[in-house]
PDB file of N, CA and C in Angstrom:
ATOM      1  N   MET A   1       0.828  -1.092   0.037  1.00  0.00           N
ATOM      2  CA  MET A   1       0.008   0.013  -0.054  1.00  0.00           C
ATOM      3  C   MET A   1       0.928   1.217   0.006  1.00  0.00           C
ATOM      4  N   ALA A   2       0.720   2.176  -1.042  1.00  0.00           N
ATOM      5  CA  ALA A   2       1.615   3.278  -1.103  1.00  0.00           C
ATOM      6  C   ALA A   2       0.740   4.488  -0.529  1.00  0.00           C
ATOM      7  N   HIS A   3       1.535   5.304   0.170  1.00  0.00           N
ATOM      8  CA  HIS A   3       0.857   6.559   0.662  1.00  0.00           C
ATOM      9  C   HIS A   3       1.618   7.717   0.111  1.00  0.00           C
ATOM     10  N   ASP A   4       0.918   8.854   0.051  1.00  0.00           N
ATOM     11  CA  ASP A   4       1.648   9.957  -0.453  1.00  0.00           C
ATOM     12  C   ASP A   4       2.101  10.858   0.591  1.00  0.00           C
ATOM     13  N   ALA A   5       2.805  11.913   0.303  1.00  0.00           N
ATOM     14  CA  ALA A   5       3.427  12.800   1.284  1.00  0.00           C
ATOM     15  C   ALA A   5       2.410  13.543   2.118  1.00  0.00           C
ATOM     16  N   ALA A   6       1.277  13.751   1.732  1.00  0.00           N
ATOM     17  CA  ALA A   6       0.202  14.360   2.556  1.00  0.00           C
ATOM     18  C   ALA A   6      -0.145  13.387   3.680  1.00  0.00           C
ATOM     19  N   TYR A   7      -0.289  12.082   3.336  1.00  0.00           N
ATOM     20  CA  TYR A   7      -0.609  11.208   4.401  1.00  0.00           C
ATOM     21  C   TYR A   7       0.356  11.087   5.549  1.00  0.00           C
ATOM     22  N   PHE A   8       1.649  11.084   5.095  1.00  0.00           N
ATOM     23  CA  PHE A   8       2.803  10.987   6.053  1.00  0.00           C
ATOM     24  C   PHE A   8       2.908  12.368   6.879  1.00  0.00           C
ATOM     25  N   ARG A   9       2.573  13.535   6.236  1.00  0.00           N
ATOM     26  CA  ARG A   9       2.528  14.808   6.979  1.00  0.00           C
ATOM     27  C   ARG A   9       1.424  14.756   8.011  1.00  0.00           C
ATOM     28  N   ALA A  10       0.235  14.228   7.685  1.00  0.00           N
ATOM     29  CA  ALA A  10      -0.862  14.111   8.667  1.00  0.00           C
ATOM     30  C   ALA A  10      -0.516  13.221   9.772  1.00  0.00           C
ATOM     31  N   GLN A  11       0.184  12.129   9.498  1.00  0.00           N
ATOM     32  CA  GLN A  11       0.582  11.284  10.600  1.00  0.00           C
ATOM     33  C   GLN A  11       1.709  11.938  11.441  1.00  0.00           C
ATOM     34  N   ALA A  12       2.499  12.772  10.916  1.00  0.00           N
ATOM     35  CA  ALA A  12       3.487  13.528  11.703  1.00  0.00           C
ATOM     36  C   ALA A  12       2.779  14.555  12.478  1.00  0.00           C
ATOM     37  N   ASP A  13       1.761  15.186  11.980  1.00  0.00           N
ATOM     38  CA  ASP A  13       0.964  16.183  12.874  1.00  0.00           C
ATOM     39  C   ASP A  13       0.395  15.425  13.937  1.00  0.00           C
ATOM     40  N   ARG A  14      -0.157  14.264  13.682  1.00  0.00           N
ATOM     41  CA  ARG A  14      -0.901  13.490  14.835  1.00  0.00           C
ATOM     42  C   ARG A  14       0.093  13.101  15.903  1.00  0.00           C
ATOM     43  N   ALA A  15       1.250  12.663  15.389  1.00  0.00           N
ATOM     44  CA  ALA A  15       2.302  12.230  16.468  1.00  0.00           C
ATOM     45  C   ALA A  15       2.855  13.513  17.203  1.00  0.00           C
ATOM     46  N   GLN A  16       2.928  14.575  16.494  1.00  0.00           N
ATOM     47  CA  GLN A  16       3.274  15.847  17.304  1.00  0.00           C
ATOM     48  C   GLN A  16       2.255  16.207  18.323  1.00  0.00           C
ATOM     49  N   ALA A  17       0.888  16.051  18.063  1.00  0.00           N
ATOM     50  CA  ALA A  17      -0.121  16.429  18.937  1.00  0.00           C
ATOM     51  C   ALA A  17       0.090  15.345  20.127  1.00  0.00           C
ATOM     52  N   ASP A  18       0.351  14.143  19.841  1.00  0.00           N
ATOM     53  CA  ASP A  18       0.455  13.060  20.899  1.00  0.00           C
ATOM     54  C   ASP A  18       1.655  13.643  21.791  1.00  0.00           C
ATOM     55  N   ALA A  19       2.763  13.985  21.177  1.00  0.00           N
ATOM     56  CA  ALA A  19       3.919  14.415  21.944  1.00  0.00           C
ATOM     57  C   ALA A  19       3.684  15.592  22.806  1.00  0.00           C
ATOM     58  N   ASP A  20       2.952  16.520  22.249  1.00  0.00           N
ATOM     59  CA  ASP A  20       2.543  17.754  23.038  1.00  0.00           C
ATOM     60  C   ASP A  20       1.552  17.422  24.246  1.00  0.00           C
ATOM     61  N   ALA A  21       0.785  16.395  24.066  1.00  0.00           N
ATOM     62  CA  ALA A  21      -0.108  15.979  25.151  1.00  0.00           C
ATOM     63  C   ALA A  21       0.458  14.968  26.162  1.00  0.00           C
ATOM     64  N   ALA A  22       1.763  14.445  25.702  1.00  0.00           N
ATOM     65  CA  ALA A  22       2.261  13.424  26.661  1.00  0.00           C
ATOM     66  C   ALA A  22       2.746  14.066  28.003  1.00  0.00           C
ATOM     67  N   GLN A  23       2.462  13.253  29.106  1.00  0.00           N
ATOM     68  CA  GLN A  23       3.013  13.664  30.420  1.00  0.00           C
ATOM     69  C   GLN A  23       4.248  12.950  30.731  1.00  0.00           C
ATOM     70  N   LEU A  24       4.467  11.754  30.105  1.00  0.00           N
ATOM     71  CA  LEU A  24       5.633  10.918  30.411  1.00  0.00           C
ATOM     72  C   LEU A  24       6.753  11.188  29.424  1.00  0.00           C
ATOM     73  N   ASP A  25       7.959  11.275  29.846  1.00  0.00           N
ATOM     74  CA  ASP A  25       8.979  11.526  28.946  1.00  0.00           C
ATOM     75  C   ASP A  25       9.208  10.474  27.807  1.00  0.00           C
ATOM     76  N   ASN A  26       9.150   9.247  28.244  1.00  0.00           N
ATOM     77  CA  ASN A  26       9.168   8.150  27.223  1.00  0.00           C
ATOM     78  C   ASN A  26       8.175   8.009  26.249  1.00  0.00           C
ATOM     79  N   VAL A  27       6.972   8.442  26.591  1.00  0.00           N
ATOM     80  CA  VAL A  27       5.871   8.555  25.564  1.00  0.00           C
ATOM     81  C   VAL A  27       6.230   9.734  24.615  1.00  0.00           C
ATOM     82  N   ARG A  28       6.585  10.841  25.241  1.00  0.00           N
ATOM     83  CA  ARG A  28       6.975  12.139  24.320  1.00  0.00           C
ATOM     84  C   ARG A  28       8.014  11.780  23.430  1.00  0.00           C
ATOM     85  N   ASP A  29       9.176  11.105  23.975  1.00  0.00           N
ATOM     86  CA  ASP A  29      10.125  10.858  23.090  1.00  0.00           C
ATOM     87  C   ASP A  29       9.826   9.881  22.008  1.00  0.00           C
ATOM     88  N   ARG A  30       8.994   8.805  22.193  1.00  0.00           N
ATOM     89  CA  ARG A  30       8.419   7.946  21.172  1.00  0.00           C
ATOM     90  C   ARG A  30       7.580   8.677  20.101  1.00  0.00           C
ATOM     91  N   ALA A  31       6.839   9.572  20.556  1.00  0.00           N
ATOM     92  CA  ALA A  31       6.005  10.360  19.598  1.00  0.00           C
ATOM     93  C   ALA A  31       6.868  11.338  18.812  1.00  0.00           C
ATOM     94  N   LEU A  32       7.906  11.888  19.392  1.00  0.00           N
ATOM     95  CA  LEU A  32       8.875  12.706  18.581  1.00  0.00           C
ATOM     96  C   LEU A  32       9.624  11.941  17.636  1.00  0.00           C
ATOM     97  N   ARG A  33       9.979  10.651  18.014  1.00  0.00           N
ATOM     98  CA  ARG A  33      10.678   9.804  17.013  1.00  0.00           C
ATOM     99  C   ARG A  33       9.723   9.493  15.826  1.00  0.00           C
ATOM    100  N   SER A  34       8.378   9.270  16.132  1.00  0.00           N
ATOM    101  CA  SER A  34       7.469   9.091  15.068  1.00  0.00           C
ATOM    102  C   SER A  34       7.390  10.260  14.240  1.00  0.00           C
ATOM    103  N   VAL A  35       7.401  11.471  14.773  1.00  0.00           N
ATOM    104  CA  VAL A  35       7.332  12.707  14.015  1.00  0.00           C
ATOM    105  C   VAL A  35       8.509  12.688  13.004  1.00  0.00           C
ATOM    106  N   ALA A  36       9.663  12.469  13.418  1.00  0.00           N
ATOM    107  CA  ALA A  36      10.872  12.463  12.614  1.00  0.00           C
ATOM    108  C   ALA A  36      10.748  11.386  11.454  1.00  0.00           C
ATOM    109  N   ALA A  37      10.350  10.171  11.836  1.00  0.00           N
ATOM    110  CA  ALA A  37      10.118   9.072  10.850  1.00  0.00           C
ATOM    111  C   ALA A  37       9.061   9.523   9.777  1.00  0.00           C
ATOM    112  N   PHE A  38       8.038  10.003  10.141  1.00  0.00           N
ATOM    113  CA  PHE A  38       6.937  10.260   9.288  1.00  0.00           C
ATOM    114  C   PHE A  38       7.414  11.554   8.380  1.00  0.00           C
ATOM    115  N   GLU A  39       8.181  12.517   8.805  1.00  0.00           N
ATOM    116  CA  GLU A  39       8.654  13.549   8.102  1.00  0.00           C
ATOM    117  C   GLU A  39       9.684  12.992   7.107  1.00  0.00           C
ATOM    118  N   ALA A  40      10.510  12.086   7.458  1.00  0.00           N
ATOM    119  CA  ALA A  40      11.466  11.451   6.486  1.00  0.00           C
ATOM    120  C   ALA A  40      10.586  10.746   5.418  1.00  0.00           C
ATOM    121  N   MET A  41       9.686   9.981   5.683  1.00  0.00           N
ATOM    122  CA  MET A  41       8.816   9.322   4.826  1.00  0.00           C
ATOM    123  C   MET A  41       8.230  10.199   3.871  1.00  0.00           C
ATOM    124  N   ALA A  42       7.723  11.342   4.292  1.00  0.00           N
ATOM    125  CA  ALA A  42       7.009  12.388   3.440  1.00  0.00           C
ATOM    126  C   ALA A  42       8.138  12.824   2.439  1.00  0.00           C
ATOM    127  N   ILE A  43       9.307  13.231   2.987  1.00  0.00           N
ATOM    128  CA  ILE A  43      10.306  13.713   2.032  1.00  0.00           C
ATOM    129  C   ILE A  43      10.697  12.691   0.954  1.00  0.00           C
ATOM    130  N   SER A  44      10.754  11.438   1.395  1.00  0.00           N
ATOM    131  CA  SER A  44      11.097  10.420   0.435  1.00  0.00           C
ATOM    132  C   SER A  44       9.879  10.175  -0.604  1.00  0.00           C
ATOM    133  N   ALA A  45       8.705  10.252  -0.212  1.00  0.00           N
ATOM    134  CA  ALA A  45       7.620  10.197  -1.002  1.00  0.00           C
ATOM    135  C   ALA A  45       7.593  11.322  -2.090  1.00  0.00           C
ATOM    136  N   GLU A  46       7.876  12.576  -1.563  1.00  0.00           N
ATOM    137  CA  GLU A  46       7.924  13.727  -2.453  1.00  0.00           C
ATOM    138  C   GLU A  46       9.011  13.527  -3.649  1.00  0.00           C
ATOM    139  N   ARG A  47      10.245  13.079  -3.121  1.00  0.00           N
ATOM    140  CA  ARG A  47      11.386  12.868  -3.947  1.00  0.00           C
ATOM    141  C   ARG A  47      11.009  11.709  -5.008  1.00  0.00           C
ATOM    142  N   THR A  48      10.321  10.664  -4.620  1.00  0.00           N
ATOM    143  CA  THR A  48       9.939   9.608  -5.533  1.00  0.00           C
ATOM    144  C   THR A  48       8.933  10.140  -6.526  1.00  0.00           C
ATOM    145  N   THR A  49       7.963  10.914  -6.110  1.00  0.00           N
ATOM    146  CA  THR A  49       7.003  11.494  -7.043  1.00  0.00           C
ATOM    147  C   THR A  49       7.651  12.459  -8.047  1.00  0.00           C
ATOM    148  N   GLN A  50       8.680  13.298  -7.591  1.00  0.00           N
ATOM    149  CA  GLN A  50       9.345  14.183  -8.494  1.00  0.00           C
ATOM    150  C   GLN A  50      10.169  13.432  -9.571  1.00  0.00           C
ATOM    151  N   ARG A  51      10.836  12.370  -9.155  1.00  0.00           N
ATOM    152  CA  ARG A  51      11.540  11.498  -9.982  1.00  0.00           C
ATOM    153  C   ARG A  51      10.647  10.744 -11.016  1.00  0.00           C
ATOM    154  N   ARG A  52       9.542  10.280 -10.549  1.00  0.00           N
ATOM    155  CA  ARG A  52       8.528   9.648 -11.484  1.00  0.00           C
ATOM    156  C   ARG A  52       8.058  10.547 -12.611  1.00  0.00           C
ATOM    157  N   ILE A  53       7.733  11.774 -12.118  1.00  0.00           N
ATOM    158  CA  ILE A  53       7.269  12.868 -13.103  1.00  0.00           C
ATOM    159  C   ILE A  53       8.323  13.248 -14.075  1.00  0.00           C
ATOM    160  N   ALA A  54       9.606  13.384 -13.531  1.00  0.00           N
ATOM    161  CA  ALA A  54      10.593  13.631 -14.486  1.00  0.00           C
ATOM    162  C   ALA A  54      10.905  12.478 -15.519  1.00  0.00           C
ATOM    163  N   ARG A  55      10.824  11.315 -15.069  1.00  0.00           N
ATOM    164  CA  ARG A  55      11.016  10.122 -15.874  1.00  0.00           C
ATOM    165  C   ARG A  55       9.890  10.024 -16.891  1.00  0.00           C
ATOM    166  N   GLU A  56       8.617  10.209 -16.485  1.00  0.00           N
ATOM    167  CA  GLU A  56       7.524  10.238 -17.417  1.00  0.00           C
ATOM    168  C   GLU A  56       7.728  11.329 -18.494  1.00  0.00           C
ATOM    169  N   GLU A  57       8.179  12.547 -18.025  1.00  0.00           N
ATOM    170  CA  GLU A  57       8.194  13.613 -19.072  1.00  0.00           C
ATOM    171  C   GLU A  57       9.346  13.338 -20.044  1.00  0.00           C
ATOM    172  N   ALA A  58      10.451  12.682 -19.523  1.00  0.00           N
ATOM    173  CA  ALA A  58      11.534  12.457 -20.430  1.00  0.00           C
ATOM    174  C   ALA A  58      11.059  11.379 -21.451  1.00  0.00           C
ATOM    175  N   THR A  59      10.314  10.341 -20.867  1.00  0.00           N
ATOM    176  CA  THR A  59       9.788   9.216 -21.784  1.00  0.00           C
ATOM    177  C   THR A  59       8.870   9.906 -22.909  1.00  0.00           C
ATOM    178  N   ALA A  60       8.085  10.766 -22.400  1.00  0.00           N
ATOM    179  CA  ALA A  60       7.023  11.341 -23.393  1.00  0.00           C
ATOM    180  C   ALA A  60       7.736  12.263 -24.398  1.00  0.00           C
ATOM    181  N   ALA A  61       8.827  12.915 -24.008  1.00  0.00           N
ATOM    182  CA  ALA A  61       9.578  13.792 -24.785  1.00  0.00           C
ATOM    183  C   ALA A  61      10.308  12.955 -25.867  1.00  0.00           C
ATOM    184  N   ALA A  62      10.815  11.828 -25.450  1.00  0.00           N
ATOM    185  CA  ALA A  62      11.640  10.897 -26.358  1.00  0.00           C
ATOM    186  C   ALA A  62      10.673  10.256 -27.353  1.00  0.00           C
ATOM    187  N   ARG A  63       9.324  10.130 -26.979  1.00  0.00           N
ATOM    188  CA  ARG A  63       8.426   9.574 -27.952  1.00  0.00           C
ATOM    189  C   ARG A  63       7.890  10.413 -29.109  1.00  0.00           C
ATOM    190  N   VAL A  64       7.836  11.828 -28.700  1.00  0.00           N
ATOM    191  CA  VAL A  64       7.308  12.772 -29.669  1.00  0.00           C
ATOM    192  C   VAL A  64       8.082  12.757 -31.070  1.00  0.00           C
ATOM    193  N   PRO A  65       9.360  12.778 -31.114  1.00  0.00           N
ATOM    194  CA  PRO A  65      10.033  12.724 -32.369  1.00  0.00           C
ATOM    195  C   PRO A  65       9.716  11.294 -33.167  1.00  0.00           C
ATOM    196  N   LEU A  66       9.709  10.319 -32.411  1.00  0.00           N
ATOM    197  CA  LEU A  66       9.433   9.043 -33.024  1.00  0.00           C
ATOM    198  C   LEU A  66       8.028   8.962 -33.637  1.00  0.00           C
ATOM    199  N   GLU A  67       7.008   9.549 -32.919  1.00  0.00           N
ATOM    200  CA  GLU A  67       5.786   9.536 -33.439  1.00  0.00           C
ATOM    201  C   GLU A  67       5.597  10.500 -34.640  1.00  0.00           C
ATOM    202  N   ALA A  68       6.309  11.704 -34.644  1.00  0.00           N
ATOM    203  CA  ALA A  68       6.333  12.544 -35.665  1.00  0.00           C
ATOM    204  C   ALA A  68       6.955  12.023 -37.005  1.00  0.00           C
ATOM    205  N   ALA A  69       7.860  11.158 -36.916  1.00  0.00           N
ATOM    206  CA  ALA A  69       8.528  10.574 -37.936  1.00  0.00           C
ATOM    207  C   ALA A  69       7.695   9.499 -38.692  1.00  0.00           C
ATOM    208  N   GLU A  70       6.694   8.990 -38.042  1.00  0.00           N
ATOM    209  CA  GLU A  70       5.778   8.011 -38.682  1.00  0.00           C
ATOM    210  C   GLU A  70       4.832   8.483 -39.533  1.00  0.00           C
TER     211      GLU A  70
END
């Protein structure tokens, strides 16, 4: 199951809210680790999307001359 960056950012926001509400240090630390992990996943998802778009554009650009020659 693939998720997009918006999903990961929402999860990071939820984890941040959990960290803000936590009364115990270990619970707060766990939530803050979750925030960092979800932010990293969001960045990775954005990077993957950008690379996919660039690859698709390059493929489409390479096809245009071939289609014009036919």
